[in-house]
């Protein structure tokens, strides 16, 4: 029975939330919706990759070319622009884990990422997040591979680094590479807390990565906080530089190194 402070639900709302109906919804989504989204996603990916011109800078592509794993940390806003470039190298050339949130969005993201053979670890909130970081660290130590992680966590605030990346770096021994991907032909979902960016099949995109950030295994809390702030500063510096790239030209991103030619996919 609902408490006096809870709003009363209609019969339809109660039926929609019933466990049996929720199980049926999950089965229908797994059987029909997610495969359909996978087809749409592949078509979207193909159309964007054919028509977008990338300017790549920074050490991440050296890691990809040599097969060295790292923690790829980015803001939530950049996830689709970033993925449309990295999907070309996973899983055969550069296998990776991906930390996703619990719930419907995380479940849908897991199904889409599995198309490219990317293994997902679910973790959001304090306890689930800690457990996910510990599980990722164990997996990385046992079978080294890259990790893609949203630096601003599952709920934000946007552009404020959480603890996940630095804790994982200390426990796994992997360096953190702050990454930014931005373009001049994006659709911004303004109603989302992270203002998610969706690439459209045209224009240019700039892809920046910072120098590796290492976290000592025995780092104390002040040192972890210093690393967290450093990661946040690097990511936000790239936010401004990537936006200026499309107004001021390539000189806006020269601090991240020379332009890198495309890595041979074969």
Protein backbone atom coordinates (compact mmCIF):
# COMPACT_ATOMS: atom_id res chain seq x y z
CA UNK A 1 0.00 0.00 0.00
CA UNK A 2 1.28 3.48 -0.80
CA UNK A 3 2.18 5.68 2.15
CA UNK A 4 0.32 9.02 2.57
CA UNK A 5 3.32 10.84 1.05
CA UNK A 6 3.33 8.70 -2.11
CA UNK A 7 1.09 9.57 -5.07
CA UNK A 8 -1.54 6.95 -5.91
CA UNK A 9 -0.96 5.03 -9.11
CA UNK A 10 -3.62 4.16 -11.63
CA UNK A 11 -4.42 0.55 -12.47
CA UNK A 12 -2.48 0.90 -15.74
CA UNK A 13 0.57 2.31 -13.95
CA UNK A 14 0.53 -0.52 -11.40
CA UNK A 15 0.23 -3.10 -14.17
CA UNK A 16 3.10 -1.49 -16.11
CA UNK A 17 5.36 -1.69 -13.03
CA UNK A 18 4.37 -5.26 -12.10
CA UNK A 19 7.33 -7.68 -11.99
CA UNK A 20 5.74 -10.04 -14.52
CA UNK A 21 5.19 -7.20 -16.99
CA UNK A 22 8.72 -5.89 -16.43
CA UNK A 23 10.16 -9.32 -17.21
CA UNK A 24 8.06 -9.47 -20.39
CA UNK A 25 9.23 -5.98 -21.39
CA UNK A 26 12.87 -7.00 -20.91
CA UNK A 27 12.39 -10.12 -23.02
CA UNK A 28 10.69 -8.17 -25.81
CA UNK A 29 13.45 -5.57 -25.75
CA UNK A 30 16.17 -8.22 -25.95
CA UNK A 31 14.37 -10.13 -28.71
CA UNK A 32 13.24 -7.23 -30.91
CA UNK A 33 14.12 -3.72 -29.79
CA UNK A 34 17.86 -4.08 -29.16
CA UNK A 35 18.56 -5.96 -32.43
CA UNK A 36 16.64 -3.25 -34.31
CA UNK A 37 18.62 -0.53 -32.53
CA UNK A 38 21.79 -2.40 -33.47
CA UNK A 39 20.87 -2.24 -37.17
CA UNK A 40 20.09 1.48 -36.89
CA UNK A 41 23.30 2.10 -34.97
CA UNK A 42 25.43 0.31 -37.58
CA UNK A 43 23.84 2.35 -40.38
CA UNK A 44 24.41 5.56 -38.40
CA UNK A 45 28.02 4.61 -37.70
CA UNK A 46 28.66 3.74 -41.36
CA UNK A 47 27.18 6.99 -42.68
CA UNK A 48 29.11 9.15 -40.20
CA UNK A 49 32.42 7.36 -40.75
CA UNK A 50 32.18 7.80 -44.53
CA UNK A 51 31.62 11.53 -44.46
CA UNK A 52 33.33 12.97 -41.35
CA UNK A 53 36.96 14.16 -41.57
CA UNK A 54 38.98 13.57 -38.39
CA UNK A 55 41.90 15.58 -37.03
CA UNK A 56 43.61 13.26 -34.50
CA UNK A 57 46.17 14.52 -31.97
CA UNK A 58 47.80 13.14 -28.84
CA UNK A 59 49.24 9.83 -27.65
CA UNK A 60 46.11 7.64 -27.68
CA UNK A 61 46.70 6.44 -31.23
CA UNK A 62 50.26 5.47 -30.29
CA UNK A 63 48.73 3.26 -27.58
CA UNK A 64 46.32 1.79 -30.13
CA UNK A 65 49.05 1.17 -32.71
CA UNK A 66 51.28 -0.58 -30.15
CA UNK A 67 48.43 -2.40 -28.39
CA UNK A 68 49.27 -0.87 -25.00
CA UNK A 69 46.19 -0.71 -22.75
CA UNK A 70 45.17 2.44 -20.90
CA UNK A 71 42.16 4.00 -19.20
CA UNK A 72 40.38 6.23 -21.70
CA UNK A 73 38.60 8.88 -19.62
CA UNK A 74 36.09 11.25 -21.21
CA UNK A 75 33.10 13.37 -20.37
CA UNK A 76 29.69 11.80 -20.97
CA UNK A 77 28.96 14.38 -23.65
CA UNK A 78 31.70 13.00 -25.88
CA UNK A 79 30.78 9.32 -25.82
CA UNK A 80 29.26 9.06 -29.31
CA UNK A 81 31.83 11.24 -31.15
CA UNK A 82 34.56 9.21 -29.45
CA UNK A 83 32.99 5.83 -30.12
CA UNK A 84 32.55 6.47 -33.81
CA UNK A 85 36.32 6.64 -34.10
CA UNK A 86 37.35 3.96 -31.58
CA UNK A 87 34.86 1.36 -32.83
CA UNK A 88 37.10 0.94 -35.87
CA UNK A 89 39.82 -0.62 -33.69
CA UNK A 90 37.85 -2.75 -31.24
CA UNK A 91 37.91 -5.56 -30.37
CA UNK A 92 40.43 -7.14 -32.75
CA UNK A 93 43.08 -4.44 -32.71
CA UNK A 94 42.43 -2.75 -29.39
CA UNK A 95 40.18 -4.79 -27.05
CA UNK A 96 38.48 -2.81 -24.31
CA UNK A 97 36.17 -2.97 -21.33
CA UNK A 98 33.47 -0.35 -20.86
CA UNK A 99 31.90 0.71 -17.56
CA UNK A 100 28.17 1.34 -17.99
CA UNK A 101 25.43 2.36 -15.58
CA UNK A 102 22.74 0.10 -14.19
CA UNK A 103 19.20 0.42 -15.51
CA UNK A 104 17.60 0.68 -18.93
CA UNK A 105 20.16 3.04 -20.46
CA UNK A 106 23.04 0.87 -19.31
CA UNK A 107 21.31 -2.28 -20.55
CA UNK A 108 20.68 -0.74 -23.96
CA UNK A 109 24.25 0.54 -24.13
CA UNK A 110 25.56 -2.92 -23.27
CA UNK A 111 23.69 -4.50 -26.16
CA UNK A 112 24.99 -1.88 -28.60
CA UNK A 113 28.58 -2.12 -27.34
CA UNK A 114 28.48 -5.90 -27.56
CA UNK A 115 28.02 -5.51 -31.32
CA UNK A 116 31.67 -4.43 -31.41
CA UNK A 117 32.79 -7.06 -28.93
CA UNK A 118 33.30 -4.58 -26.10
CA UNK A 119 32.75 -6.18 -22.70
CA UNK A 120 30.71 -4.08 -20.28
CA UNK A 121 30.88 -3.83 -16.50
CA UNK A 122 27.85 -2.28 -14.79
CA UNK A 123 28.51 0.14 -11.99
CA UNK A 124 26.77 3.28 -10.72
CA UNK A 125 26.21 4.70 -7.28
CA UNK A 126 28.77 4.40 -4.51
CA UNK A 127 28.67 0.68 -3.66
CA UNK A 128 28.02 -0.61 -7.19
CA UNK A 129 30.65 1.77 -8.53
CA UNK A 130 33.29 0.56 -6.07
CA UNK A 131 32.46 -3.06 -6.86
CA UNK A 132 32.69 -2.37 -10.60
CA UNK A 133 36.08 -0.66 -10.22
CA UNK A 134 37.38 -3.61 -8.19
CA UNK A 135 36.08 -6.10 -10.76
CA UNK A 136 37.61 -4.10 -13.62
CA UNK A 137 40.96 -3.91 -11.85
CA UNK A 138 40.99 -7.68 -11.34
CA UNK A 139 40.09 -8.31 -14.98
CA UNK A 140 42.70 -5.89 -16.26
CA UNK A 141 45.43 -7.46 -14.12
CA UNK A 142 44.44 -10.94 -15.30
CA UNK A 143 43.94 -10.00 -18.94
CA UNK A 144 45.30 -6.53 -19.82
CA UNK A 145 43.10 -4.46 -22.09
CA UNK A 146 41.92 -0.88 -22.35
CA UNK A 147 39.09 0.55 -20.26
CA UNK A 148 36.65 3.24 -21.39
CA UNK A 149 35.21 5.19 -18.50
CA UNK A 150 32.97 8.24 -18.12
CA UNK A 151 34.98 10.59 -15.91
CA UNK A 152 31.87 12.45 -14.69
CA UNK A 153 30.22 9.26 -13.46
CA UNK A 154 26.73 7.97 -14.16
CA UNK A 155 24.81 10.96 -12.80
CA UNK A 156 27.17 13.93 -13.09
CA UNK A 157 27.46 16.82 -12.52
CA UNK A 158 28.76 17.26 -16.04
CA UNK A 159 32.44 18.07 -16.48
CA UNK A 160 33.32 17.26 -12.86
CA UNK A 161 35.60 14.26 -12.49
CA UNK A 162 34.55 11.51 -10.12
CA UNK A 163 36.86 9.08 -8.32
CA UNK A 164 36.40 6.03 -10.55
CA UNK A 165 39.20 6.68 -13.02
CA UNK A 166 41.90 7.47 -10.45
CA UNK A 167 40.95 4.53 -8.22
CA UNK A 168 41.02 2.18 -11.19
CA UNK A 169 44.39 3.55 -12.32
CA UNK A 170 45.90 2.98 -8.89
CA UNK A 171 44.54 -0.55 -8.57
CA UNK A 172 45.19 -1.70 -12.14
CA UNK A 173 48.49 0.03 -12.92
CA UNK A 174 47.10 1.47 -16.18
CA UNK A 175 47.73 5.12 -17.07
CA UNK A 176 44.78 7.47 -17.62
CA UNK A 177 44.47 9.25 -20.95
CA UNK A 178 42.04 12.16 -20.94
CA UNK A 179 40.24 12.25 -24.29
CA UNK A 180 38.01 14.75 -26.08
CA UNK A 181 36.11 14.32 -29.36
CA UNK A 182 34.17 17.23 -30.84
CA UNK A 183 32.79 18.28 -34.21
CA UNK A 184 31.19 21.09 -36.16
CA UNK A 185 28.16 19.02 -37.22
CA UNK A 186 26.68 17.64 -34.00
CA UNK A 187 23.18 17.46 -32.58
CA UNK A 188 23.18 18.41 -28.88
CA UNK A 189 20.52 16.81 -26.69
CA UNK A 190 19.97 19.83 -24.44
CA UNK A 191 17.50 18.10 -22.12
CA UNK A 192 20.07 15.56 -20.95
CA UNK A 193 22.20 16.48 -17.92
CA UNK A 194 25.41 15.90 -19.89
CA UNK A 195 24.15 17.66 -23.08
CA UNK A 196 24.90 14.51 -25.08
CA UNK A 197 26.37 15.12 -28.55
CA UNK A 198 25.23 13.00 -31.52
CA UNK A 199 27.38 13.07 -34.68
CA UNK A 200 25.74 13.77 -38.03
CA UNK A 201 27.15 12.43 -41.31
CA UNK A 202 29.03 15.51 -42.45
CA UNK A 203 31.67 18.05 -41.40
CA UNK A 204 34.84 17.73 -39.38
CA UNK A 205 35.77 16.30 -36.00
CA UNK A 206 38.77 16.87 -33.77
CA UNK A 207 40.03 14.08 -31.51
CA UNK A 208 42.39 15.07 -28.66
CA UNK A 209 44.17 12.99 -26.04
CA UNK A 210 46.41 14.18 -23.20
CA UNK A 211 49.65 12.71 -21.96
CA UNK A 212 49.34 9.68 -19.65
CA UNK A 213 48.44 10.34 -16.02
CA UNK A 214 49.82 7.70 -13.64
CA UNK A 215 48.43 6.98 -10.17
CA UNK A 216 50.61 5.16 -7.65
CA UNK A 217 49.22 1.97 -6.15
CA UNK A 218 49.91 3.30 -2.63
CA UNK A 219 48.54 6.82 -3.30
CA UNK A 220 46.87 8.33 -0.22
CA UNK A 221 43.68 10.38 -0.30
CA UNK A 222 45.38 13.78 -0.91
CA UNK A 223 47.34 12.29 -3.82
CA UNK A 224 44.20 10.71 -5.28
CA UNK A 225 42.46 14.06 -5.01
CA UNK A 226 45.37 15.75 -6.79
CA UNK A 227 45.13 13.22 -9.61
CA UNK A 228 41.35 13.64 -9.81
CA UNK A 229 41.71 17.40 -10.11
CA UNK A 230 44.45 17.01 -12.70
CA UNK A 231 42.25 14.73 -14.79
CA UNK A 232 39.37 17.19 -14.56
CA UNK A 233 41.63 20.09 -15.56
CA UNK A 234 42.99 18.20 -18.59
CA UNK A 235 39.52 17.25 -19.81
CA UNK A 236 38.17 20.78 -19.42
CA UNK A 237 41.21 22.28 -21.13
CA UNK A 238 40.46 20.06 -24.12
CA UNK A 239 36.79 21.11 -24.08
CA UNK A 240 37.70 24.73 -24.73
CA UNK A 241 40.48 23.92 -27.20
CA UNK A 242 38.29 21.58 -29.26
CA UNK A 243 35.56 24.22 -29.54
CA UNK A 244 38.10 26.90 -30.56
CA UNK A 245 39.42 24.55 -33.23
CA UNK A 246 36.37 25.30 -35.35
CA UNK A 247 36.65 29.07 -34.95
CA UNK A 248 40.39 29.73 -34.67
CA UNK A 249 41.76 26.83 -36.71
CA UNK A 250 44.27 24.03 -35.96
CA UNK A 251 46.54 26.33 -33.92
CA UNK A 252 43.98 26.05 -31.09
CA UNK A 253 44.99 22.40 -30.52
CA UNK A 254 48.73 22.50 -31.29
CA UNK A 255 49.50 21.87 -27.60
CA UNK A 256 48.27 18.29 -28.12
CA UNK A 257 50.84 17.58 -30.81
CA UNK A 258 50.91 17.27 -34.59
CA UNK A 259 48.10 15.79 -36.62
CA UNK A 260 48.20 11.98 -36.74
CA UNK A 261 47.45 10.10 -39.91
CA UNK A 262 44.77 7.44 -39.84
CA UNK A 263 45.86 4.07 -38.51
CA UNK A 264 45.62 1.25 -41.02
CA UNK A 265 42.51 -0.77 -40.08
CA UNK A 266 44.04 -3.98 -41.43
